C-alpha cells in the first residue's frame, strides 16, 4: 500500500501531453501504483471541454480556429455554462 502525498510541479508546452500525464497519474492511483498527487501545471491558452461534451455545442469552433486556439477534451466531465 502506498501512503503519503507527492507534489509534482511539471508542465508541458503541449496541452495534449499535459492531459496525457493527468490520465497517467489517475491510472497509477486507481491501480495502486502511485500515491495521492497534487500536480501544479499550466499550458498555453486552450479551450478544455469535458469528456461528455460536444465541441460544436459548447464553443464557436470556427472562431477558435481563427484565433489559433486548440480545443482539447479532458478526462473529467464538465457542465456547460448557463
PDB file of N, CA and C in Angstrom:
ATOM      1  N   UNK A   1       0.846  -1.185   0.000  1.00  0.00           N
ATOM      2  CA  UNK A   1       0.000   0.000   0.000  1.00  0.00           C
ATOM      3  C   UNK A   1       0.888   1.243   0.000  1.00  0.00           C
ATOM      4  N   UNK A   2       0.605   2.161  -0.880  1.00  0.00           N
ATOM      5  CA  UNK A   2       1.355   3.408  -0.973  1.00  0.00           C
ATOM      6  C   UNK A   2       0.689   4.444  -0.074  1.00  0.00           C
ATOM      7  N   UNK A   3       1.485   5.111   0.746  1.00  0.00           N
ATOM      8  CA  UNK A   3       0.950   6.141   1.616  1.00  0.00           C
ATOM      9  C   UNK A   3       1.648   7.460   1.335  1.00  0.00           C
ATOM     10  N   UNK A   4       1.077   8.527   1.832  1.00  0.00           N
ATOM     11  CA  UNK A   4       1.675   9.842   1.646  1.00  0.00           C
ATOM     12  C   UNK A   4       1.237  10.510   0.362  1.00  0.00           C
ATOM     13  N   UNK A   5       1.696  11.709   0.215  1.00  0.00           N
ATOM     14  CA  UNK A   5       1.371  12.524  -0.950  1.00  0.00           C
ATOM     15  C   UNK A   5       2.643  12.871  -1.697  1.00  0.00           C
ATOM     16  N   UNK A   6       2.498  13.185  -2.980  1.00  0.00           N
ATOM     17  CA  UNK A   6       3.630  13.745  -3.716  1.00  0.00           C
ATOM     18  C   UNK A   6       3.175  15.034  -4.375  1.00  0.00           C
ATOM     19  N   UNK A   7       4.113  15.938  -4.513  1.00  0.00           N
ATOM     20  CA  UNK A   7       3.879  17.204  -5.200  1.00  0.00           C
ATOM     21  C   UNK A   7       4.628  17.131  -6.515  1.00  0.00           C
ATOM     22  N   UNK A   8       3.923  17.356  -7.596  1.00  0.00           N
ATOM     23  CA  UNK A   8       4.526  17.320  -8.925  1.00  0.00           C
ATOM     24  C   UNK A   8       4.299  18.671  -9.570  1.00  0.00           C
ATOM     25  N   UNK A   9       5.361  19.431  -9.737  1.00  0.00           N
ATOM     26  CA  UNK A   9       5.305  20.751 -10.367  1.00  0.00           C
ATOM     27  C   UNK A   9       5.934  20.611 -11.744  1.00  0.00           C
ATOM     28  N   UNK A  10       5.103  20.243 -12.728  1.00  0.00           N
ATOM     29  CA  UNK A  10       5.641  19.947 -14.056  1.00  0.00           C
ATOM     30  C   UNK A  10       4.580  20.221 -15.120  1.00  0.00           C
ATOM     31  N   UNK A  11       4.997  20.911 -16.163  1.00  0.00           N
ATOM     32  CA  UNK A  11       4.106  21.226 -17.284  1.00  0.00           C
ATOM     33  C   UNK A  11       4.799  20.943 -18.603  1.00  0.00           C
ATOM     34  N   UNK A  12       4.011  20.584 -19.580  1.00  0.00           N
ATOM     35  CA  UNK A  12       4.459  20.509 -20.967  1.00  0.00           C
ATOM     36  C   UNK A  12       3.935  21.742 -21.695  1.00  0.00           C
ATOM     37  N   UNK A  13       4.573  22.135 -22.771  1.00  0.00           N
ATOM     38  CA  UNK A  13       4.041  23.206 -23.620  1.00  0.00           C
ATOM     39  C   UNK A  13       2.894  22.703 -24.492  1.00  0.00           C
ATOM     40  N   UNK A  14       2.769  21.405 -24.606  1.00  0.00           N
ATOM     41  CA  UNK A  14       1.730  20.776 -25.418  1.00  0.00           C
ATOM     42  C   UNK A  14       0.554  20.394 -24.514  1.00  0.00           C
ATOM     43  N   UNK A  15      -0.629  20.979 -24.713  1.00  0.00           N
ATOM     44  CA  UNK A  15      -1.759  20.666 -23.837  1.00  0.00           C
ATOM     45  C   UNK A  15      -2.168  19.196 -23.890  1.00  0.00           C
ATOM     46  N   UNK A  16      -1.962  18.533 -25.025  1.00  0.00           N
ATOM     47  CA  UNK A  16      -2.316  17.119 -25.121  1.00  0.00           C
ATOM     48  C   UNK A  16      -1.399  16.265 -24.233  1.00  0.00           C
ATOM     49  N   UNK A  17      -0.132  16.645 -24.133  1.00  0.00           N
ATOM     50  CA  UNK A  17       0.793  15.939 -23.240  1.00  0.00           C
ATOM     51  C   UNK A  17       0.418  16.184 -21.782  1.00  0.00           C
ATOM     52  N   UNK A  18      -0.020  17.408 -21.461  1.00  0.00           N
ATOM     53  CA  UNK A  18      -0.469  17.687 -20.099  1.00  0.00           C
ATOM     54  C   UNK A  18      -1.645  16.790 -19.716  1.00  0.00           C
ATOM     55  N   UNK A  19      -2.594  16.638 -20.620  1.00  0.00           N
ATOM     56  CA  UNK A  19      -3.749  15.782 -20.325  1.00  0.00           C
ATOM     57  C   UNK A  19      -3.341  14.313 -20.248  1.00  0.00           C
ATOM     58  N   UNK A  20      -2.387  13.904 -21.079  1.00  0.00           N
ATOM     59  CA  UNK A  20      -1.907  12.525 -21.031  1.00  0.00           C
ATOM     60  C   UNK A  20      -1.238  12.232 -19.686  1.00  0.00           C
ATOM     61  N   UNK A  21      -0.468  13.184 -19.177  1.00  0.00           N
ATOM     62  CA  UNK A  21       0.150  12.992 -17.874  1.00  0.00           C
ATOM     63  C   UNK A  21      -0.907  12.941 -16.775  1.00  0.00           C
ATOM     64  N   UNK A  22      -1.922  13.793 -16.865  1.00  0.00           N
ATOM     65  CA  UNK A  22      -3.017  13.748 -15.894  1.00  0.00           C
ATOM     66  C   UNK A  22      -3.657  12.356 -15.873  1.00  0.00           C
ATOM     67  N   UNK A  23      -3.920  11.810 -17.050  1.00  0.00           N
ATOM     68  CA  UNK A  23      -4.530  10.484 -17.130  1.00  0.00           C
ATOM     69  C   UNK A  23      -3.601   9.419 -16.555  1.00  0.00           C
ATOM     70  N   UNK A  24      -2.324   9.534 -16.826  1.00  0.00           N
ATOM     71  CA  UNK A  24      -1.353   8.578 -16.305  1.00  0.00           C
ATOM     72  C   UNK A  24      -1.307   8.600 -14.776  1.00  0.00           C
ATOM     73  N   UNK A  25      -1.336   9.803 -14.206  1.00  0.00           N
ATOM     74  CA  UNK A  25      -1.346   9.938 -12.744  1.00  0.00           C
ATOM     75  C   UNK A  25      -2.598   9.284 -12.164  1.00  0.00           C
ATOM     76  N   UNK A  26      -3.746   9.539 -12.782  1.00  0.00           N
ATOM     77  CA  UNK A  26      -5.002   8.957 -12.318  1.00  0.00           C
ATOM     78  C   UNK A  26      -4.974   7.436 -12.411  1.00  0.00           C
ATOM     79  N   UNK A  27      -4.523   6.927 -13.547  1.00  0.00           N
ATOM     80  CA  UNK A  27      -4.473   5.463 -13.713  1.00  0.00           C
ATOM     81  C   UNK A  27      -3.548   4.825 -12.679  1.00  0.00           C
ATOM     82  N   UNK A  28      -2.411   5.454 -12.433  1.00  0.00           N
ATOM     83  CA  UNK A  28      -1.490   4.938 -11.432  1.00  0.00           C
ATOM     84  C   UNK A  28      -2.118   4.887 -10.050  1.00  0.00           C
ATOM     85  N   UNK A  29      -2.883   5.894  -9.714  1.00  0.00           N
ATOM     86  CA  UNK A  29      -3.563   5.936  -8.417  1.00  0.00           C
ATOM     87  C   UNK A  29      -4.633   4.852  -8.332  1.00  0.00           C
ATOM     88  N   UNK A  30      -5.446   4.736  -9.363  1.00  0.00           N
ATOM     89  CA  UNK A  30      -6.522   3.740  -9.375  1.00  0.00           C
ATOM     90  C   UNK A  30      -5.951   2.323  -9.272  1.00  0.00           C
ATOM     91  N   UNK A  31      -4.822   2.082  -9.920  1.00  0.00           N
ATOM     92  CA  UNK A  31      -4.209   0.747  -9.921  1.00  0.00           C
ATOM     93  C   UNK A  31      -3.334   0.503  -8.689  1.00  0.00           C
ATOM     94  N   UNK A  32      -3.245   1.479  -7.787  1.00  0.00           N
ATOM     95  CA  UNK A  32      -2.468   1.304  -6.573  1.00  0.00           C
ATOM     96  C   UNK A  32      -0.973   1.419  -6.759  1.00  0.00           C
ATOM     97  N   UNK A  33      -0.553   2.012  -7.870  1.00  0.00           N
ATOM     98  CA  UNK A  33       0.870   2.134  -8.176  1.00  0.00           C
ATOM     99  C   UNK A  33       1.443   3.507  -7.842  1.00  0.00           C
ATOM    100  N   UNK A  34       0.592   4.468  -7.543  1.00  0.00           N
ATOM    101  CA  UNK A  34       1.044   5.833  -7.311  1.00  0.00           C
ATOM    102  C   UNK A  34       0.393   6.402  -6.060  1.00  0.00           C
ATOM    103  N   UNK A  35       1.093   7.308  -5.377  1.00  0.00           N
ATOM    104  CA  UNK A  35       0.493   7.963  -4.207  1.00  0.00           C
ATOM    105  C   UNK A  35      -0.487   9.047  -4.647  1.00  0.00           C
ATOM    106  N   UNK A  36      -1.236   9.579  -3.687  1.00  0.00           N
ATOM    107  CA  UNK A  36      -2.044  10.762  -3.963  1.00  0.00           C
ATOM    108  C   UNK A  36      -1.097  11.838  -4.490  1.00  0.00           C
ATOM    109  N   UNK A  37      -1.541  12.580  -5.486  1.00  0.00           N
ATOM    110  CA  UNK A  37      -0.658  13.535  -6.152  1.00  0.00           C
ATOM    111  C   UNK A  37      -1.340  14.877  -6.318  1.00  0.00           C
ATOM    112  N   UNK A  38      -0.625  15.917  -5.968  1.00  0.00           N
ATOM    113  CA  UNK A  38      -1.036  17.284  -6.276  1.00  0.00           C
ATOM    114  C   UNK A  38      -0.118  17.759  -7.382  1.00  0.00           C
ATOM    115  N   UNK A  39      -0.691  18.032  -8.537  1.00  0.00           N
ATOM    116  CA  UNK A  39       0.104  18.476  -9.680  1.00  0.00           C
ATOM    117  C   UNK A  39      -0.197  19.932  -9.969  1.00  0.00           C
ATOM    118  N   UNK A  40       0.856  20.721 -10.033  1.00  0.00           N
ATOM    119  CA  UNK A  40       0.763  22.127 -10.419  1.00  0.00           C
ATOM    120  C   UNK A  40       1.241  22.227 -11.856  1.00  0.00           C
ATOM    121  N   UNK A  41       0.394  22.775 -12.706  1.00  0.00           N
ATOM    122  CA  UNK A  41       0.753  22.838 -14.117  1.00  0.00           C
ATOM    123  C   UNK A  41      -0.011  23.931 -14.825  1.00  0.00           C
ATOM    124  N   UNK A  42       0.466  24.250 -16.016  1.00  0.00           N
ATOM    125  CA  UNK A  42      -0.230  25.187 -16.900  1.00  0.00           C
ATOM    126  C   UNK A  42       0.169  24.850 -18.329  1.00  0.00           C
ATOM    127  N   UNK A  43      -0.650  25.279 -19.258  1.00  0.00           N
ATOM    128  CA  UNK A  43      -0.310  25.122 -20.660  1.00  0.00           C
ATOM    129  C   UNK A  43      -0.783  26.345 -21.424  1.00  0.00           C
ATOM    130  N   UNK A  44      -0.392  26.435 -22.703  1.00  0.00           N
ATOM    131  CA  UNK A  44      -0.842  27.591 -23.496  1.00  0.00           C
ATOM    132  C   UNK A  44      -2.359  27.685 -23.515  1.00  0.00           C
ATOM    133  N   UNK A  45      -2.862  28.830 -23.911  1.00  0.00           N
ATOM    134  CA  UNK A  45      -4.316  29.036 -23.963  1.00  0.00           C
ATOM    135  C   UNK A  45      -4.974  27.986 -24.850  1.00  0.00           C
ATOM    136  N   UNK A  46      -5.959  27.323 -24.280  1.00  0.00           N
ATOM    137  CA  UNK A  46      -6.735  26.305 -24.995  1.00  0.00           C
ATOM    138  C   UNK A  46      -8.179  26.379 -24.509  1.00  0.00           C
ATOM    139  N   UNK A  47      -9.037  25.714 -25.223  1.00  0.00           N
ATOM    140  CA  UNK A  47     -10.404  25.503 -24.780  1.00  0.00           C
ATOM    141  C   UNK A  47     -10.472  24.052 -24.319  1.00  0.00           C
ATOM    142  N   UNK A  48     -10.768  23.836 -23.053  1.00  0.00           N
ATOM    143  CA  UNK A  48     -10.828  22.496 -22.480  1.00  0.00           C
ATOM    144  C   UNK A  48     -12.291  22.154 -22.206  1.00  0.00           C
ATOM    145  N   UNK A  49     -12.741  21.063 -22.818  1.00  0.00           N
ATOM    146  CA  UNK A  49     -14.125  20.643 -22.608  1.00  0.00           C
ATOM    147  C   UNK A  49     -14.145  19.285 -21.924  1.00  0.00           C
ATOM    148  N   UNK A  50     -15.214  19.019 -21.212  1.00  0.00           N
ATOM    149  CA  UNK A  50     -15.374  17.752 -20.508  1.00  0.00           C
ATOM    150  C   UNK A  50     -15.542  16.585 -21.464  1.00  0.00           C
ATOM    151  N   UNK A  51     -15.297  15.398 -20.954  1.00  0.00           N
ATOM    152  CA  UNK A  51     -15.273  14.195 -21.792  1.00  0.00           C
ATOM    153  C   UNK A  51     -16.611  13.872 -22.452  1.00  0.00           C
ATOM    154  N   UNK A  52     -17.718  14.336 -21.910  1.00  0.00           N
ATOM    155  CA  UNK A  52     -19.026  14.008 -22.482  1.00  0.00           C
ATOM    156  C   UNK A  52     -19.634  15.144 -23.299  1.00  0.00           C
ATOM    157  N   UNK A  53     -18.923  16.265 -23.421  1.00  0.00           N
ATOM    158  CA  UNK A  53     -19.482  17.427 -24.114  1.00  0.00           C
ATOM    159  C   UNK A  53     -19.115  17.425 -25.588  1.00  0.00           C
ATOM    160  N   UNK A  54     -19.977  18.003 -26.396  1.00  0.00           N
ATOM    161  CA  UNK A  54     -19.764  18.118 -27.835  1.00  0.00           C
ATOM    162  C   UNK A  54     -19.174  19.498 -28.129  1.00  0.00           C
ATOM    163  N   UNK A  55     -17.989  19.570 -28.749  1.00  0.00           N
ATOM    164  CA  UNK A  55     -17.371  20.876 -29.003  1.00  0.00           C
ATOM    165  C   UNK A  55     -18.277  21.838 -29.763  1.00  0.00           C
ATOM    166  N   UNK A  56     -19.016  21.340 -30.748  1.00  0.00           N
ATOM    167  CA  UNK A  56     -19.883  22.217 -31.547  1.00  0.00           C
ATOM    168  C   UNK A  56     -21.009  22.826 -30.720  1.00  0.00           C
ATOM    169  N   UNK A  57     -21.399  22.154 -29.643  1.00  0.00           N
ATOM    170  CA  UNK A  57     -22.450  22.674 -28.766  1.00  0.00           C
ATOM    171  C   UNK A  57     -21.909  23.639 -27.718  1.00  0.00           C
ATOM    172  N   UNK A  58     -20.617  23.591 -27.452  1.00  0.00           N
ATOM    173  CA  UNK A  58     -20.040  24.344 -26.341  1.00  0.00           C
ATOM    174  C   UNK A  58     -19.257  25.576 -26.757  1.00  0.00           C
ATOM    175  N   UNK A  59     -18.612  25.524 -27.910  1.00  0.00           N
ATOM    176  CA  UNK A  59     -17.742  26.635 -28.327  1.00  0.00           C
ATOM    177  C   UNK A  59     -17.952  26.950 -29.802  1.00  0.00           C
ATOM    178  N   UNK A  60     -17.522  28.122 -30.191  1.00  0.00           N
ATOM    179  CA  UNK A  60     -17.528  28.507 -31.596  1.00  0.00           C
ATOM    180  C   UNK A  60     -16.241  27.963 -32.216  1.00  0.00           C
ATOM    181  N   UNK A  61     -16.345  26.810 -32.853  1.00  0.00           N
ATOM    182  CA  UNK A  61     -15.181  26.106 -33.381  1.00  0.00           C
ATOM    183  C   UNK A  61     -14.457  26.954 -34.424  1.00  0.00           C
ATOM    184  N   UNK A  62     -15.193  27.616 -35.304  1.00  0.00           N
ATOM    185  CA  UNK A  62     -14.561  28.452 -36.325  1.00  0.00           C
ATOM    186  C   UNK A  62     -13.769  29.599 -35.708  1.00  0.00           C
ATOM    187  N   UNK A  63     -14.324  30.237 -34.683  1.00  0.00           N
ATOM    188  CA  UNK A  63     -13.615  31.326 -34.006  1.00  0.00           C
ATOM    189  C   UNK A  63     -12.348  30.805 -33.336  1.00  0.00           C
ATOM    190  N   UNK A  64     -12.424  29.627 -32.749  1.00  0.00           N
ATOM    191  CA  UNK A  64     -11.232  29.037 -32.123  1.00  0.00           C
ATOM    192  C   UNK A  64     -10.140  28.803 -33.169  1.00  0.00           C
ATOM    193  N   UNK A  65     -10.521  28.295 -34.332  1.00  0.00           N
ATOM    194  CA  UNK A  65      -9.546  28.078 -35.406  1.00  0.00           C
ATOM    195  C   UNK A  65      -8.925  29.395 -35.841  1.00  0.00           C
ATOM    196  N   UNK A  66      -9.744  30.419 -36.009  1.00  0.00           N
ATOM    197  CA  UNK A  66      -9.234  31.726 -36.424  1.00  0.00           C
ATOM    198  C   UNK A  66      -8.274  32.317 -35.399  1.00  0.00           C
ATOM    199  N   UNK A  67      -8.526  32.066 -34.123  1.00  0.00           N
ATOM    200  CA  UNK A  67      -7.682  32.594 -33.054  1.00  0.00           C
ATOM    201  C   UNK A  67      -6.502  31.678 -32.719  1.00  0.00           C
ATOM    202  N   UNK A  68      -6.440  30.532 -33.376  1.00  0.00           N
ATOM    203  CA  UNK A  68      -5.346  29.601 -33.122  1.00  0.00           C
ATOM    204  C   UNK A  68      -5.464  28.868 -31.796  1.00  0.00           C
ATOM    205  N   UNK A  69      -6.696  28.743 -31.289  1.00  0.00           N
ATOM    206  CA  UNK A  69      -6.932  28.048 -30.027  1.00  0.00           C
ATOM    207  C   UNK A  69      -7.256  26.579 -30.299  1.00  0.00           C
ATOM    208  N   UNK A  70      -6.536  25.700 -29.628  1.00  0.00           N
ATOM    209  CA  UNK A  70      -6.845  24.280 -29.723  1.00  0.00           C
ATOM    210  C   UNK A  70      -8.023  23.968 -28.804  1.00  0.00           C
ATOM    211  N   UNK A  71      -8.847  23.028 -29.231  1.00  0.00           N
ATOM    212  CA  UNK A  71      -9.936  22.521 -28.408  1.00  0.00           C
ATOM    213  C   UNK A  71      -9.499  21.137 -27.950  1.00  0.00           C
ATOM    214  N   UNK A  72      -9.413  20.959 -26.642  1.00  0.00           N
ATOM    215  CA  UNK A  72      -8.968  19.681 -26.108  1.00  0.00           C
ATOM    216  C   UNK A  72     -10.066  19.084 -25.229  1.00  0.00           C
ATOM    217  N   UNK A  73     -10.080  17.776 -25.161  1.00  0.00           N
ATOM    218  CA  UNK A  73     -11.076  17.071 -24.347  1.00  0.00           C
ATOM    219  C   UNK A  73     -10.338  16.449 -23.167  1.00  0.00           C
ATOM    220  N   UNK A  74     -10.773  16.815 -21.968  1.00  0.00           N
ATOM    221  CA  UNK A  74     -10.140  16.272 -20.770  1.00  0.00           C
ATOM    222  C   UNK A  74     -10.857  15.004 -20.314  1.00  0.00           C
ATOM    223  N   UNK A  75     -10.215  14.279 -19.433  1.00  0.00           N
ATOM    224  CA  UNK A  75     -10.750  13.020 -18.924  1.00  0.00           C
ATOM    225  C   UNK A  75     -11.962  13.235 -18.023  1.00  0.00           C
ATOM    226  N   UNK A  76     -11.999  14.353 -17.324  1.00  0.00           N
ATOM    227  CA  UNK A  76     -13.096  14.616 -16.392  1.00  0.00           C
ATOM    228  C   UNK A  76     -14.301  15.190 -17.137  1.00  0.00           C
ATOM    229  N   UNK A  77     -15.502  14.950 -16.624  1.00  0.00           N
ATOM    230  CA  UNK A  77     -16.694  15.520 -17.248  1.00  0.00           C
ATOM    231  C   UNK A  77     -16.805  16.998 -16.917  1.00  0.00           C
ATOM    232  N   UNK A  78     -17.731  17.638 -17.526  1.00  0.00           N
ATOM    233  CA  UNK A  78     -17.966  19.048 -17.252  1.00  0.00           C
ATOM    234  C   UNK A  78     -19.387  19.417 -17.565  1.00  0.00           C
ATOM    235  N   UNK A  79     -19.797  20.522 -17.064  1.00  0.00           N
ATOM    236  CA  UNK A  79     -21.139  21.032 -17.319  1.00  0.00           C
ATOM    237  C   UNK A  79     -21.024  22.307 -18.139  1.00  0.00           C
ATOM    238  N   UNK A  80     -21.891  22.503 -19.104  1.00  0.00           N
ATOM    239  CA  UNK A  80     -21.864  23.756 -19.859  1.00  0.00           C
ATOM    240  C   UNK A  80     -22.254  24.922 -18.958  1.00  0.00           C
ATOM    241  N   UNK A  81     -21.744  26.102 -19.301  1.00  0.00           N
ATOM    242  CA  UNK A  81     -22.107  27.309 -18.561  1.00  0.00           C
ATOM    243  C   UNK A  81     -23.562  27.653 -18.853  1.00  0.00           C
ATOM    244  N   UNK A  82     -24.252  28.157 -17.848  1.00  0.00           N
ATOM    245  CA  UNK A  82     -25.645  28.563 -18.055  1.00  0.00           C
ATOM    246  C   UNK A  82     -25.790  30.046 -17.794  1.00  0.00           C
TER     247      UNK A  82
END
